[in-house]
Amino acid sequence: ALDRNNIGPVGAKALADALHDNSNITRLDLSDNELSDSGVSALAEVLQANQGILELVLSNIGMTDRGLRCIAQVLKKNTTMHSLTVSCNAITGPGLRSLSTALQHNQTLSVLVLGRNQLDDVGFGFVAAALHTNKALSTLIIRNCMMSDVAAGYMAQALRHNDTLRMLDISHNMLSDRGVVSITSAVAHNRGLAVLDLSHTPPFTEDTASRMALALDRNRSLIRCGLRWPGLLRC
């Protein structure tokens, strides 16, 4: 791991050059470095061809939508990477358009972590669009990403069509009763989800709890769901 090593854009370019002919490294963690978009761009050029990196972690590196577009290009061409983490960056909703397009064609990425980015309704719409067609993602973590009730509706529609996702973490989002019910009602029709984390959301009413219980009772795949502070409850 190369996290917290004060690596900047110049260092990222040197690392990219070193990775050009190296297929032995399978996990690359550059979290908590100041790579910025230019450093991400240099790495992305190499990662499009490098088939050795299976897990890429780019948390808190100062990446914006521009850098994410470079990563999306990697996912269009790389056929071995199975885990991508881009949490705690400056990614916004519109920036997810390119990632959504890449995910609709990528068949190898199984884990995607987008936590603590300002995705808003637009971003969740793009994520949901990818889930309608993507059959590779099994774990999706989008906690603390400004998810609204409208965004929950987008995700709910996706869950009604996607049966390959196994774990969905949308905790730490400010959903009201309406958003929580939208998600759990969709889960009632989902046949693949095993873990759903809705914890650390605002308290909901007893009526909402009853509606959620009825919906979750219809599901036959879910084994854990987080519905209250502080963590996961057995369903």
Protein backbone atom coordinates (compact mmCIF):
# COMPACT_ATOMS: atom_id res chain seq x y z
CA ALA A 1 0.00 0.00 0.00
CA LEU A 2 1.15 3.51 -0.83
CA ASP A 3 -1.47 5.42 1.13
CA ARG A 4 -0.41 8.54 3.08
CA ASN A 5 2.93 8.92 1.32
CA ASN A 6 2.60 12.53 0.11
CA ILE A 7 2.39 11.36 -3.49
CA GLY A 8 1.38 14.14 -5.84
CA PRO A 9 0.83 14.33 -9.61
CA VAL A 10 4.55 14.00 -10.38
CA GLY A 11 4.86 10.94 -8.17
CA ALA A 12 1.75 9.46 -9.75
CA LYS A 13 3.31 9.84 -13.20
CA ALA A 14 6.47 8.05 -12.01
CA LEU A 15 4.35 5.29 -10.52
CA ALA A 16 2.42 4.96 -13.75
CA ASP A 17 5.65 4.50 -15.67
CA ALA A 18 6.70 1.77 -13.24
CA LEU A 19 3.37 -0.02 -13.63
CA HIS A 20 3.57 -0.03 -17.40
CA ASP A 21 5.38 -3.36 -17.58
CA ASN A 22 4.48 -4.70 -14.13
CA SER A 23 1.74 -7.29 -13.80
CA ASN A 24 2.70 -8.64 -10.37
CA ILE A 25 1.00 -5.95 -8.28
CA THR A 26 -2.64 -6.89 -7.74
CA ARG A 27 -3.75 -4.26 -5.19
CA LEU A 28 -2.97 -0.55 -5.51
CA ASP A 29 -3.97 1.70 -2.60
CA LEU A 30 -3.14 5.38 -3.08
CA SER A 31 -5.58 6.77 -0.52
CA ASP A 32 -4.87 10.01 1.35
CA ASN A 33 -2.40 11.30 -1.22
CA GLU A 34 -2.66 14.53 -3.20
CA LEU A 35 -2.83 12.96 -6.65
CA SER A 36 -5.50 15.32 -8.00
CA ASP A 37 -7.03 14.77 -11.44
CA SER A 38 -3.73 15.03 -13.28
CA GLY A 39 -2.24 12.20 -11.23
CA VAL A 40 -5.33 10.08 -11.80
CA SER A 41 -5.12 10.75 -15.53
CA ALA A 42 -1.53 9.48 -15.66
CA LEU A 43 -2.44 6.30 -13.79
CA ALA A 44 -5.55 5.73 -15.89
CA GLU A 45 -3.59 5.63 -19.13
CA VAL A 46 -1.53 2.72 -17.80
CA LEU A 47 -4.42 0.91 -16.09
CA GLN A 48 -6.33 0.64 -19.35
CA ALA A 49 -3.73 -1.88 -20.47
CA ASN A 50 -2.45 -3.22 -17.15
CA GLN A 51 -4.24 -6.51 -16.40
CA GLY A 52 -2.55 -7.14 -13.06
CA ILE A 53 -4.35 -4.64 -10.81
CA LEU A 54 -7.42 -6.35 -9.37
CA GLU A 55 -8.23 -3.82 -6.64
CA LEU A 56 -7.83 -0.05 -6.95
CA VAL A 57 -8.31 2.24 -3.93
CA LEU A 58 -8.38 6.00 -4.57
CA SER A 59 -10.00 7.45 -1.45
CA ASN A 60 -9.41 11.07 -0.47
CA ILE A 61 -7.02 11.97 -3.26
CA GLY A 62 -8.60 15.23 -4.44
CA MET A 63 -10.29 13.65 -7.46
CA THR A 64 -13.14 15.50 -9.16
CA ASP A 65 -15.50 14.55 -11.98
CA ARG A 66 -12.64 15.00 -14.46
CA GLY A 67 -10.57 12.32 -12.76
CA LEU A 68 -13.55 10.00 -12.54
CA ARG A 69 -14.02 10.24 -16.30
CA CYS A 70 -10.47 8.90 -16.66
CA ILE A 71 -11.29 5.98 -14.36
CA ALA A 72 -14.43 5.29 -16.39
CA GLN A 73 -12.24 4.88 -19.46
CA VAL A 74 -10.23 2.30 -17.54
CA LEU A 75 -13.37 0.29 -16.81
CA LYS A 76 -14.29 0.27 -20.47
CA LYS A 77 -11.03 -1.45 -21.45
CA ASN A 78 -9.71 -3.22 -18.35
CA THR A 79 -11.08 -6.77 -18.07
CA THR A 80 -9.54 -7.89 -14.76
CA MET A 81 -10.19 -5.21 -12.13
CA HIS A 82 -12.87 -6.39 -9.70
CA SER A 83 -12.84 -3.72 -6.96
CA LEU A 84 -12.83 0.09 -7.15
CA THR A 85 -12.98 2.58 -4.26
CA VAL A 86 -13.30 6.30 -4.96
CA SER A 87 -14.81 7.47 -1.67
CA CYS A 88 -14.16 10.80 0.07
CA ASN A 89 -13.46 12.79 -3.08
CA ALA A 90 -15.07 15.78 -4.83
CA ILE A 91 -17.20 13.72 -7.21
CA THR A 92 -20.62 15.17 -8.01
CA GLY A 93 -23.78 13.78 -9.58
CA PRO A 94 -23.11 14.83 -13.20
CA GLY A 95 -19.66 13.27 -12.97
CA LEU A 96 -21.20 9.82 -12.66
CA ARG A 97 -22.52 9.87 -16.22
CA SER A 98 -19.28 8.42 -17.61
CA LEU A 99 -19.02 5.84 -14.84
CA SER A 100 -22.60 4.75 -15.42
CA THR A 101 -21.92 4.26 -19.13
CA ALA A 102 -18.80 2.22 -18.37
CA LEU A 103 -20.65 0.02 -15.87
CA GLN A 104 -23.33 -0.79 -18.39
CA HIS A 105 -20.66 -2.57 -20.42
CA ASN A 106 -18.14 -3.71 -17.79
CA GLN A 107 -18.52 -7.36 -16.77
CA THR A 108 -15.72 -7.77 -14.23
CA LEU A 109 -16.06 -5.07 -11.55
CA SER A 110 -17.89 -6.62 -8.59
CA VAL A 111 -17.22 -4.09 -5.81
CA LEU A 112 -17.80 -0.32 -6.09
CA VAL A 113 -17.37 2.09 -3.17
CA LEU A 114 -18.59 5.67 -3.75
CA GLY A 115 -19.12 6.76 -0.14
CA ARG A 116 -18.89 10.40 0.99
CA ASN A 117 -19.26 12.08 -2.37
CA GLN A 118 -21.89 14.69 -3.24
CA LEU A 119 -23.85 12.56 -5.68
CA ASP A 120 -27.31 14.17 -5.30
CA ASP A 121 -30.36 13.03 -7.32
CA VAL A 122 -28.55 13.24 -10.65
CA GLY A 123 -25.75 10.96 -9.52
CA PHE A 124 -28.08 8.36 -8.05
CA GLY A 125 -30.02 8.42 -11.30
CA PHE A 126 -26.86 7.44 -13.16
CA VAL A 127 -26.05 4.71 -10.62
CA ALA A 128 -29.56 3.32 -10.96
CA ALA A 129 -29.31 3.34 -14.74
CA ALA A 130 -26.17 1.22 -14.54
CA LEU A 131 -27.85 -1.28 -12.21
CA HIS A 132 -30.62 -1.85 -14.73
CA THR A 133 -28.19 -3.56 -17.09
CA ASN A 134 -25.02 -4.38 -15.13
CA LYS A 135 -24.77 -8.04 -14.12
CA ALA A 136 -21.33 -7.97 -12.46
CA LEU A 137 -21.63 -5.69 -9.42
CA SER A 138 -22.30 -7.61 -6.22
CA THR A 139 -21.34 -4.96 -3.63
CA LEU A 140 -22.30 -1.28 -3.85
CA ILE A 141 -21.46 1.16 -1.06
CA ILE A 142 -22.91 4.66 -1.40
CA ARG A 143 -23.17 5.76 2.21
CA ASN A 144 -23.27 9.44 3.14
CA CYS A 145 -23.80 10.65 -0.43
CA MET A 146 -26.69 13.12 -0.04
CA MET A 147 -29.30 10.55 -1.03
CA SER A 148 -32.80 12.06 -1.08
CA ASP A 149 -36.23 10.46 -1.33
CA VAL A 150 -36.16 11.13 -5.08
CA ALA A 151 -32.83 9.33 -5.37
CA ALA A 152 -34.24 6.48 -3.29
CA GLY A 153 -37.00 6.16 -5.87
CA TYR A 154 -34.41 5.78 -8.64
CA MET A 155 -32.58 3.09 -6.67
CA ALA A 156 -35.83 1.33 -5.86
CA GLN A 157 -36.67 1.00 -9.54
CA ALA A 158 -33.21 -0.44 -10.18
CA LEU A 159 -33.62 -2.99 -7.38
CA ARG A 160 -36.80 -4.25 -9.00
CA HIS A 161 -34.80 -5.15 -12.12
CA ASN A 162 -31.40 -6.13 -10.72
CA ASP A 163 -31.00 -9.56 -9.10
CA THR A 164 -27.19 -9.77 -9.07
CA LEU A 165 -26.43 -7.17 -6.39
CA ARG A 166 -25.79 -8.94 -3.07
CA MET A 167 -24.87 -6.05 -0.75
CA LEU A 168 -26.18 -2.48 -0.81
CA ASP A 169 -25.02 0.09 1.76
CA ILE A 170 -26.98 3.36 1.64
CA SER A 171 -26.55 4.21 5.32
CA HIS A 172 -25.86 7.70 6.67
CA ASN A 173 -28.21 9.30 4.15
CA MET A 174 -31.02 11.68 5.15
CA LEU A 175 -33.95 9.62 3.94
CA SER A 176 -37.45 10.31 5.20
CA ASP A 177 -40.11 7.62 5.70
CA ARG A 178 -41.02 7.91 2.03
CA GLY A 179 -37.50 7.06 0.87
CA VAL A 180 -37.08 4.15 3.26
CA VAL A 181 -40.41 2.66 2.21
CA SER A 182 -39.48 3.04 -1.48
CA ILE A 183 -36.32 0.99 -0.96
CA THR A 184 -37.81 -1.73 1.21
CA SER A 185 -40.87 -2.10 -1.03
CA ALA A 186 -38.55 -2.72 -3.95
CA VAL A 187 -36.54 -5.23 -1.92
CA ALA A 188 -39.74 -7.22 -1.49
CA HIS A 189 -39.54 -7.99 -5.23
CA ASN A 190 -35.75 -8.44 -5.36
CA ARG A 191 -34.40 -11.99 -5.49
CA GLY A 192 -30.68 -11.41 -5.04
CA LEU A 193 -29.95 -8.92 -2.26
CA ALA A 194 -28.53 -10.51 0.91
CA VAL A 195 -27.43 -7.43 2.88
CA LEU A 196 -29.15 -4.03 2.99
CA ASP A 197 -27.78 -1.29 5.25
CA LEU A 198 -30.16 1.59 5.94
CA SER A 199 -28.73 2.40 9.36
CA HIS A 200 -27.99 5.91 10.59
CA THR A 201 -31.01 7.36 8.83
CA PRO A 202 -33.48 9.62 10.67
CA PRO A 203 -36.04 7.81 12.88
CA PHE A 204 -39.21 6.68 11.12
CA THR A 205 -42.79 6.27 12.32
CA GLU A 206 -44.45 3.09 13.57
CA ASP A 207 -46.64 3.05 10.46
CA THR A 208 -43.54 3.10 8.27
CA ALA A 209 -41.97 0.35 10.36
CA SER A 210 -45.05 -1.82 9.83
CA ARG A 211 -45.00 -1.25 6.07
CA MET A 212 -41.30 -2.07 5.97
CA ALA A 213 -41.82 -5.27 7.94
CA LEU A 214 -44.51 -6.44 5.52
CA ALA A 215 -42.29 -5.70 2.53
CA LEU A 216 -39.21 -7.40 3.98
CA ASP A 217 -41.24 -10.45 4.97
CA ARG A 218 -41.92 -11.09 1.27
CA ASN A 219 -38.20 -11.18 0.48
CA ARG A 220 -36.52 -14.61 0.47
CA SER A 221 -32.87 -13.66 -0.08
CA LEU A 222 -32.16 -10.99 2.56
CA ILE A 223 -30.23 -12.22 5.61
CA ARG A 224 -29.19 -8.90 7.19
CA CYS A 225 -30.62 -5.40 7.13
CA GLY A 226 -29.58 -2.34 9.09
CA LEU A 227 -32.62 -0.30 10.05
CA ARG A 228 -31.58 1.68 13.07
CA TRP A 229 -28.69 3.19 14.92
CA PRO A 230 -26.05 1.90 15.38
CA GLY A 231 -25.76 -1.15 13.12
CA LEU A 232 -27.16 -4.20 11.45
CA LEU A 233 -30.13 -6.17 12.66
CA ARG A 234 -31.02 -9.73 11.85
CA CYS A 235 -34.10 -9.97 9.67
